[in-house]
Amino acid sequence: MKGKNDMVKLIPGKRGTGKTKLLINQIHEAGDKSKGNVVAIQLGSSLNIDIYHKIRLINIEDYKIKSAEAMMGFISGLLASDYDCTDIFIDGILRIVRRDFEAVGKMFEDISEISGDVNVVFTISAEPDELPQNIKKYL
């Protein structure tokens, strides 16, 4: 198994810097390589036309997720219910759970402890130098 921090990764950058385009490319690459299921989580429907049909696309608004703790529960549920899940991609984590860096860092730590061999990638609308150390370690 890979190291604890190896399975949770961040794509940082301010709004408009191309994070979502990079995420979409990684989603498609994972979809092409995966022998299991790939999940993409978004706020709204911005990725709907860009994502291959075989990727499971989830609009997180449908589940009323508004905190890091709720998002942790949601991802835990995905992992518990889908043993064939190989990759989870989350676009705009700070828009989903608000800019509570302490809670987001704790969520990343918790996800890294339970994700096993599942790659979990987040876009985060912040420059690396703005991030606290508990989040930077996932860059």
N, C-alpha and C. Protein backbone atom coordinates (compact mmCIF):
# COMPACT_ATOMS: atom_id res chain seq x y z
N MET A 1 0.84 -1.17 0.00
CA MET A 1 0.00 0.00 0.00
C MET A 1 0.89 1.24 0.00
N LYS A 2 0.42 2.30 -0.61
CA LYS A 2 1.19 3.53 -0.67
C LYS A 2 1.19 4.21 0.69
N GLY A 3 2.08 5.21 0.85
CA GLY A 3 2.16 5.98 2.09
C GLY A 3 0.88 6.75 2.34
N LYS A 4 0.66 7.11 3.60
CA LYS A 4 -0.57 7.74 4.04
C LYS A 4 -0.94 8.99 3.23
N ASN A 5 -0.01 9.86 2.94
CA ASN A 5 -0.31 11.09 2.22
C ASN A 5 -0.30 10.92 0.71
N ASP A 6 0.07 9.74 0.21
CA ASP A 6 0.18 9.54 -1.22
C ASP A 6 -1.17 9.47 -1.93
N MET A 7 -2.23 9.13 -1.24
CA MET A 7 -3.51 8.90 -1.90
C MET A 7 -4.41 10.13 -1.92
N VAL A 8 -4.13 11.15 -1.12
CA VAL A 8 -4.88 12.40 -1.14
C VAL A 8 -3.98 13.46 -1.75
N LYS A 9 -4.46 14.09 -2.81
CA LYS A 9 -3.68 15.09 -3.52
C LYS A 9 -4.52 16.34 -3.78
N LEU A 10 -3.85 17.49 -3.87
CA LEU A 10 -4.51 18.76 -4.13
C LEU A 10 -4.03 19.37 -5.43
N ILE A 11 -4.95 20.06 -6.09
CA ILE A 11 -4.62 20.91 -7.22
C ILE A 11 -4.96 22.32 -6.75
N PRO A 12 -3.94 23.11 -6.34
CA PRO A 12 -4.20 24.44 -5.81
C PRO A 12 -4.16 25.52 -6.89
N GLY A 13 -4.70 26.68 -6.55
CA GLY A 13 -4.61 27.84 -7.42
C GLY A 13 -5.82 28.72 -7.27
N LYS A 14 -5.63 29.99 -7.54
CA LYS A 14 -6.74 30.94 -7.49
C LYS A 14 -7.76 30.62 -8.58
N ARG A 15 -8.93 31.20 -8.45
CA ARG A 15 -9.99 31.03 -9.44
C ARG A 15 -9.48 31.48 -10.81
N GLY A 16 -9.77 30.68 -11.83
CA GLY A 16 -9.40 31.04 -13.19
C GLY A 16 -8.00 30.61 -13.60
N THR A 17 -7.34 29.79 -12.78
CA THR A 17 -5.97 29.38 -13.10
C THR A 17 -5.90 28.02 -13.81
N GLY A 18 -7.04 27.42 -14.13
CA GLY A 18 -7.04 26.18 -14.89
C GLY A 18 -7.10 24.90 -14.06
N LYS A 19 -7.46 25.02 -12.79
CA LYS A 19 -7.54 23.83 -11.92
C LYS A 19 -8.56 22.83 -12.44
N THR A 20 -9.73 23.30 -12.83
CA THR A 20 -10.78 22.38 -13.26
C THR A 20 -10.39 21.68 -14.56
N LYS A 21 -9.75 22.38 -15.47
CA LYS A 21 -9.29 21.74 -16.71
C LYS A 21 -8.28 20.64 -16.40
N LEU A 22 -7.35 20.92 -15.50
CA LEU A 22 -6.38 19.91 -15.08
C LEU A 22 -7.09 18.73 -14.42
N LEU A 23 -8.08 19.02 -13.59
CA LEU A 23 -8.85 17.97 -12.93
C LEU A 23 -9.57 17.10 -13.96
N ILE A 24 -10.19 17.72 -14.95
CA ILE A 24 -10.90 16.98 -15.99
C ILE A 24 -9.94 16.04 -16.73
N ASN A 25 -8.75 16.53 -17.03
CA ASN A 25 -7.75 15.67 -17.69
C ASN A 25 -7.39 14.48 -16.82
N GLN A 26 -7.22 14.72 -15.51
CA GLN A 26 -6.90 13.62 -14.60
C GLN A 26 -8.07 12.64 -14.47
N ILE A 27 -9.30 13.14 -14.49
CA ILE A 27 -10.48 12.28 -14.44
C ILE A 27 -10.51 11.37 -15.67
N HIS A 28 -10.30 11.95 -16.84
CA HIS A 28 -10.32 11.15 -18.07
C HIS A 28 -9.21 10.12 -18.08
N GLU A 29 -8.02 10.52 -17.62
CA GLU A 29 -6.90 9.58 -17.55
C GLU A 29 -7.23 8.42 -16.60
N ALA A 30 -7.79 8.74 -15.45
CA ALA A 30 -8.18 7.69 -14.49
C ALA A 30 -9.26 6.80 -15.09
N GLY A 31 -10.22 7.40 -15.78
CA GLY A 31 -11.27 6.62 -16.41
C GLY A 31 -10.74 5.65 -17.45
N ASP A 32 -9.72 6.07 -18.18
CA ASP A 32 -9.11 5.21 -19.19
C ASP A 32 -8.32 4.06 -18.56
N LYS A 33 -7.67 4.31 -17.43
CA LYS A 33 -6.79 3.33 -16.81
C LYS A 33 -7.48 2.44 -15.78
N SER A 34 -8.52 2.93 -15.16
CA SER A 34 -9.13 2.24 -14.04
C SER A 34 -9.80 0.94 -14.45
N LYS A 35 -9.62 -0.08 -13.63
CA LYS A 35 -10.34 -1.35 -13.80
C LYS A 35 -11.58 -1.36 -12.90
N GLY A 36 -11.82 -0.24 -12.21
CA GLY A 36 -12.96 -0.12 -11.30
C GLY A 36 -13.77 1.12 -11.62
N ASN A 37 -14.25 1.77 -10.56
CA ASN A 37 -15.12 2.92 -10.71
C ASN A 37 -14.40 4.22 -10.38
N VAL A 38 -14.68 5.24 -11.18
CA VAL A 38 -14.14 6.58 -10.97
C VAL A 38 -15.33 7.50 -10.68
N VAL A 39 -15.18 8.31 -9.62
CA VAL A 39 -16.25 9.21 -9.18
C VAL A 39 -15.76 10.64 -9.25
N ALA A 40 -16.59 11.54 -9.79
CA ALA A 40 -16.29 12.97 -9.81
C ALA A 40 -17.40 13.70 -9.06
N ILE A 41 -17.01 14.52 -8.10
CA ILE A 41 -17.96 15.27 -7.27
C ILE A 41 -17.81 16.74 -7.61
N GLN A 42 -18.94 17.39 -7.83
CA GLN A 42 -18.94 18.80 -8.19
C GLN A 42 -20.04 19.53 -7.44
N LEU A 43 -19.93 20.84 -7.39
CA LEU A 43 -20.98 21.69 -6.85
C LEU A 43 -21.71 22.28 -8.05
N GLY A 44 -22.93 21.84 -8.29
CA GLY A 44 -23.66 22.27 -9.47
C GLY A 44 -23.48 21.28 -10.61
N SER A 45 -23.52 21.80 -11.83
CA SER A 45 -23.46 20.91 -12.99
C SER A 45 -22.39 21.34 -14.00
N SER A 46 -21.37 22.04 -13.55
CA SER A 46 -20.38 22.59 -14.47
C SER A 46 -19.58 21.54 -15.23
N LEU A 47 -19.41 20.34 -14.68
CA LEU A 47 -18.61 19.31 -15.34
C LEU A 47 -19.44 18.40 -16.25
N ASN A 48 -20.75 18.53 -16.23
CA ASN A 48 -21.62 17.57 -16.91
C ASN A 48 -21.26 17.32 -18.37
N ILE A 49 -20.94 18.33 -19.12
CA ILE A 49 -20.68 18.11 -20.55
C ILE A 49 -19.24 17.70 -20.83
N ASP A 50 -18.35 17.86 -19.85
CA ASP A 50 -16.94 17.59 -20.07
C ASP A 50 -16.49 16.20 -19.63
N ILE A 51 -17.31 15.49 -18.90
CA ILE A 51 -16.89 14.22 -18.29
C ILE A 51 -17.44 13.04 -19.09
N TYR A 52 -16.59 12.04 -19.33
CA TYR A 52 -17.02 10.81 -20.00
C TYR A 52 -18.22 10.20 -19.28
N HIS A 53 -19.08 9.56 -20.04
CA HIS A 53 -20.31 8.98 -19.47
C HIS A 53 -20.04 7.85 -18.49
N LYS A 54 -18.88 7.19 -18.57
CA LYS A 54 -18.63 6.07 -17.66
C LYS A 54 -18.16 6.52 -16.28
N ILE A 55 -17.87 7.81 -16.11
CA ILE A 55 -17.49 8.37 -14.82
C ILE A 55 -18.76 8.67 -14.04
N ARG A 56 -18.80 8.26 -12.79
CA ARG A 56 -19.96 8.59 -11.95
C ARG A 56 -19.84 10.04 -11.51
N LEU A 57 -20.77 10.87 -11.95
CA LEU A 57 -20.75 12.30 -11.67
C LEU A 57 -21.81 12.61 -10.61
N ILE A 58 -21.37 13.24 -9.52
CA ILE A 58 -22.26 13.55 -8.40
C ILE A 58 -22.32 15.06 -8.20
N ASN A 59 -23.54 15.61 -8.20
CA ASN A 59 -23.74 17.00 -7.83
C ASN A 59 -23.95 17.02 -6.32
N ILE A 60 -22.97 17.51 -5.58
CA ILE A 60 -22.99 17.46 -4.12
C ILE A 60 -24.12 18.31 -3.54
N GLU A 61 -24.66 19.25 -4.31
CA GLU A 61 -25.80 20.05 -3.85
C GLU A 61 -27.01 19.16 -3.56
N ASP A 62 -27.13 18.05 -4.27
CA ASP A 62 -28.25 17.14 -4.06
C ASP A 62 -28.23 16.48 -2.69
N TYR A 63 -27.09 16.53 -2.01
CA TYR A 63 -26.93 15.85 -0.72
C TYR A 63 -26.76 16.81 0.45
N LYS A 64 -26.92 18.12 0.19
CA LYS A 64 -26.89 19.14 1.25
C LYS A 64 -25.58 19.12 2.06
N ILE A 65 -24.47 18.85 1.42
CA ILE A 65 -23.16 18.83 2.08
C ILE A 65 -22.64 20.26 2.15
N LYS A 66 -22.39 20.75 3.38
CA LYS A 66 -21.94 22.14 3.54
C LYS A 66 -20.82 22.28 4.56
N SER A 67 -20.29 21.18 5.05
CA SER A 67 -19.19 21.26 6.02
C SER A 67 -18.18 20.16 5.72
N ALA A 68 -16.98 20.35 6.24
CA ALA A 68 -15.92 19.34 6.05
C ALA A 68 -16.32 18.03 6.71
N GLU A 69 -16.98 18.10 7.85
CA GLU A 69 -17.41 16.88 8.54
C GLU A 69 -18.44 16.12 7.71
N ALA A 70 -19.39 16.84 7.11
CA ALA A 70 -20.39 16.19 6.27
C ALA A 70 -19.74 15.59 5.02
N MET A 71 -18.77 16.31 4.45
CA MET A 71 -18.07 15.79 3.27
C MET A 71 -17.28 14.54 3.63
N MET A 72 -16.67 14.53 4.79
CA MET A 72 -15.94 13.34 5.25
C MET A 72 -16.90 12.15 5.34
N GLY A 73 -18.07 12.37 5.90
CA GLY A 73 -19.08 11.31 5.98
C GLY A 73 -19.51 10.83 4.61
N PHE A 74 -19.68 11.76 3.69
CA PHE A 74 -20.10 11.41 2.33
C PHE A 74 -19.04 10.55 1.65
N ILE A 75 -17.78 10.96 1.73
CA ILE A 75 -16.70 10.19 1.11
C ILE A 75 -16.54 8.84 1.79
N SER A 76 -16.69 8.81 3.11
CA SER A 76 -16.64 7.53 3.83
C SER A 76 -17.72 6.59 3.31
N GLY A 77 -18.91 7.12 3.09
CA GLY A 77 -20.00 6.32 2.56
C GLY A 77 -19.71 5.80 1.17
N LEU A 78 -19.11 6.64 0.32
CA LEU A 78 -18.72 6.19 -1.02
C LEU A 78 -17.73 5.03 -0.93
N LEU A 79 -16.73 5.20 -0.09
CA LEU A 79 -15.71 4.16 0.05
C LEU A 79 -16.29 2.87 0.62
N ALA A 80 -17.22 3.00 1.57
CA ALA A 80 -17.81 1.82 2.20
C ALA A 80 -18.76 1.08 1.26
N SER A 81 -19.39 1.80 0.36
CA SER A 81 -20.40 1.18 -0.49
C SER A 81 -19.87 0.72 -1.85
N ASP A 82 -18.67 1.13 -2.21
CA ASP A 82 -18.15 0.80 -3.54
C ASP A 82 -16.71 0.30 -3.42
N TYR A 83 -16.57 -1.01 -3.25
CA TYR A 83 -15.25 -1.61 -3.12
C TYR A 83 -14.45 -1.56 -4.41
N ASP A 84 -15.12 -1.25 -5.52
CA ASP A 84 -14.44 -1.16 -6.82
C ASP A 84 -14.02 0.26 -7.16
N CYS A 85 -14.23 1.20 -6.26
CA CYS A 85 -13.85 2.59 -6.49
C CYS A 85 -12.33 2.71 -6.48
N THR A 86 -11.77 3.30 -7.54
CA THR A 86 -10.32 3.48 -7.62
C THR A 86 -9.91 4.94 -7.48
N ASP A 87 -10.81 5.85 -7.83
CA ASP A 87 -10.48 7.28 -7.84
C ASP A 87 -11.71 8.10 -7.49
N ILE A 88 -11.49 9.15 -6.68
CA ILE A 88 -12.53 10.13 -6.37
C ILE A 88 -11.92 11.51 -6.64
N PHE A 89 -12.62 12.32 -7.41
CA PHE A 89 -12.18 13.67 -7.74
C PHE A 89 -13.22 14.65 -7.24
N ILE A 90 -12.79 15.69 -6.52
CA ILE A 90 -13.70 16.68 -5.96
C ILE A 90 -13.27 18.06 -6.46
N ASP A 91 -14.16 18.73 -7.17
CA ASP A 91 -13.87 20.05 -7.71
C ASP A 91 -14.39 21.13 -6.78
N GLY A 92 -13.51 22.02 -6.35
CA GLY A 92 -13.91 23.19 -5.57
C GLY A 92 -14.25 22.90 -4.12
N ILE A 93 -13.36 22.24 -3.41
CA ILE A 93 -13.66 21.84 -2.04
C ILE A 93 -14.00 23.02 -1.14
N LEU A 94 -13.35 24.16 -1.32
CA LEU A 94 -13.64 25.31 -0.44
C LEU A 94 -15.01 25.92 -0.75
N ARG A 95 -15.49 25.79 -1.96
CA ARG A 95 -16.85 26.26 -2.28
C ARG A 95 -17.89 25.33 -1.66
N ILE A 96 -17.55 24.07 -1.55
CA ILE A 96 -18.48 23.08 -0.98
C ILE A 96 -18.55 23.21 0.54
N VAL A 97 -17.39 23.27 1.21
CA VAL A 97 -17.36 23.19 2.68
C VAL A 97 -16.97 24.50 3.36
N ARG A 98 -16.83 25.57 2.61
CA ARG A 98 -16.44 26.88 3.12
C ARG A 98 -14.94 26.92 3.41
N ARG A 99 -14.41 28.07 3.70
CA ARG A 99 -12.96 28.27 3.85
C ARG A 99 -12.48 28.03 5.28
N ASP A 100 -12.90 26.98 5.87
CA ASP A 100 -12.44 26.63 7.22
C ASP A 100 -11.23 25.71 7.06
N PHE A 101 -10.04 26.32 6.96
CA PHE A 101 -8.83 25.55 6.68
C PHE A 101 -8.55 24.50 7.75
N GLU A 102 -8.85 24.79 9.00
CA GLU A 102 -8.60 23.80 10.06
C GLU A 102 -9.45 22.55 9.84
N ALA A 103 -10.75 22.75 9.56
CA ALA A 103 -11.65 21.62 9.33
C ALA A 103 -11.28 20.88 8.04
N VAL A 104 -10.90 21.61 7.01
CA VAL A 104 -10.52 20.97 5.74
C VAL A 104 -9.25 20.14 5.93
N GLY A 105 -8.27 20.68 6.66
CA GLY A 105 -7.05 19.91 6.94
C GLY A 105 -7.35 18.63 7.70
N LYS A 106 -8.25 18.71 8.68
CA LYS A 106 -8.65 17.52 9.45
C LYS A 106 -9.34 16.51 8.53
N MET A 107 -10.19 17.01 7.64
CA MET A 107 -10.88 16.13 6.69
C MET A 107 -9.87 15.41 5.80
N PHE A 108 -8.87 16.13 5.27
CA PHE A 108 -7.84 15.50 4.43
C PHE A 108 -7.11 14.41 5.21
N GLU A 109 -6.78 14.70 6.46
CA GLU A 109 -6.09 13.72 7.30
C GLU A 109 -6.96 12.46 7.48
N ASP A 110 -8.23 12.67 7.80
CA ASP A 110 -9.15 11.54 8.00
C ASP A 110 -9.32 10.73 6.71
N ILE A 111 -9.46 11.42 5.58
CA ILE A 111 -9.61 10.71 4.31
C ILE A 111 -8.35 9.92 3.99
N SER A 112 -7.19 10.50 4.27
CA SER A 112 -5.94 9.78 3.98
C SER A 112 -5.83 8.51 4.82
N GLU A 113 -6.45 8.50 6.00
CA GLU A 113 -6.39 7.33 6.87
C GLU A 113 -7.33 6.21 6.42
N ILE A 114 -8.40 6.55 5.72
CA ILE A 114 -9.39 5.53 5.34
C ILE A 114 -9.40 5.19 3.85
N SER A 115 -8.70 5.98 3.03
CA SER A 115 -8.84 5.82 1.57
C SER A 115 -8.18 4.56 1.01
N GLY A 116 -7.28 3.94 1.77
CA GLY A 116 -6.63 2.74 1.26
C GLY A 116 -5.90 3.03 -0.03
N ASP A 117 -6.23 2.28 -1.09
CA ASP A 117 -5.58 2.46 -2.39
C ASP A 117 -6.39 3.34 -3.34
N VAL A 118 -7.40 4.04 -2.83
CA VAL A 118 -8.23 4.92 -3.65
C VAL A 118 -7.55 6.29 -3.73
N ASN A 119 -7.33 6.77 -4.95
CA ASN A 119 -6.79 8.12 -5.16
C ASN A 119 -7.91 9.12 -4.94
N VAL A 120 -7.65 10.14 -4.12
CA VAL A 120 -8.64 11.18 -3.86
C VAL A 120 -7.97 12.51 -4.19
N VAL A 121 -8.53 13.23 -5.18
CA VAL A 121 -7.94 14.47 -5.67
C VAL A 121 -8.95 15.60 -5.50
N PHE A 122 -8.48 16.71 -4.93
CA PHE A 122 -9.31 17.89 -4.70
C PHE A 122 -8.73 19.08 -5.44
N THR A 123 -9.60 19.94 -6.00
CA THR A 123 -9.13 21.27 -6.38
C THR A 123 -9.41 22.17 -5.18
N ILE A 124 -8.50 23.11 -4.93
CA ILE A 124 -8.64 24.02 -3.80
C ILE A 124 -8.28 25.42 -4.29
N SER A 125 -9.20 26.36 -4.15
CA SER A 125 -9.01 27.72 -4.66
C SER A 125 -8.20 28.55 -3.68
N ALA A 126 -6.92 28.29 -3.68
CA ALA A 126 -5.96 29.04 -2.85
C ALA A 126 -4.58 28.76 -3.41
N GLU A 127 -3.72 29.74 -3.27
CA GLU A 127 -2.33 29.55 -3.66
C GLU A 127 -1.63 28.72 -2.59
N PRO A 128 -0.64 27.93 -2.96
CA PRO A 128 0.06 27.09 -1.98
C PRO A 128 0.58 27.85 -0.77
N ASP A 129 1.07 29.09 -0.97
CA ASP A 129 1.61 29.83 0.17
C ASP A 129 0.53 30.34 1.13
N GLU A 130 -0.74 30.30 0.72
CA GLU A 130 -1.85 30.68 1.59
C GLU A 130 -2.29 29.54 2.51
N LEU A 131 -1.89 28.33 2.17
CA LEU A 131 -2.40 27.15 2.87
C LEU A 131 -1.61 26.87 4.14
N PRO A 132 -2.31 26.45 5.20
CA PRO A 132 -1.60 26.05 6.41
C PRO A 132 -0.86 24.73 6.18
N GLN A 133 0.09 24.43 7.04
CA GLN A 133 0.94 23.25 6.88
C GLN A 133 0.13 21.95 6.84
N ASN A 134 -0.96 21.87 7.62
CA ASN A 134 -1.75 20.64 7.65
C ASN A 134 -2.44 20.35 6.31
N ILE A 135 -2.49 21.34 5.44
CA ILE A 135 -3.05 21.15 4.09
C ILE A 135 -1.93 21.05 3.06
N LYS A 136 -0.86 21.85 3.24
CA LYS A 136 0.25 21.85 2.28
C LYS A 136 0.87 20.47 2.08
N LYS A 137 0.82 19.63 3.10
CA LYS A 137 1.46 18.33 2.98
C LYS A 137 0.78 17.44 1.94
N TYR A 138 -0.38 17.84 1.44
CA TYR A 138 -1.09 17.06 0.41
C TYR A 138 -0.83 17.61 -1.00
N LEU A 139 0.01 18.64 -1.13
CA LEU A 139 0.32 19.19 -2.45
C LEU A 139 1.19 18.24 -3.23
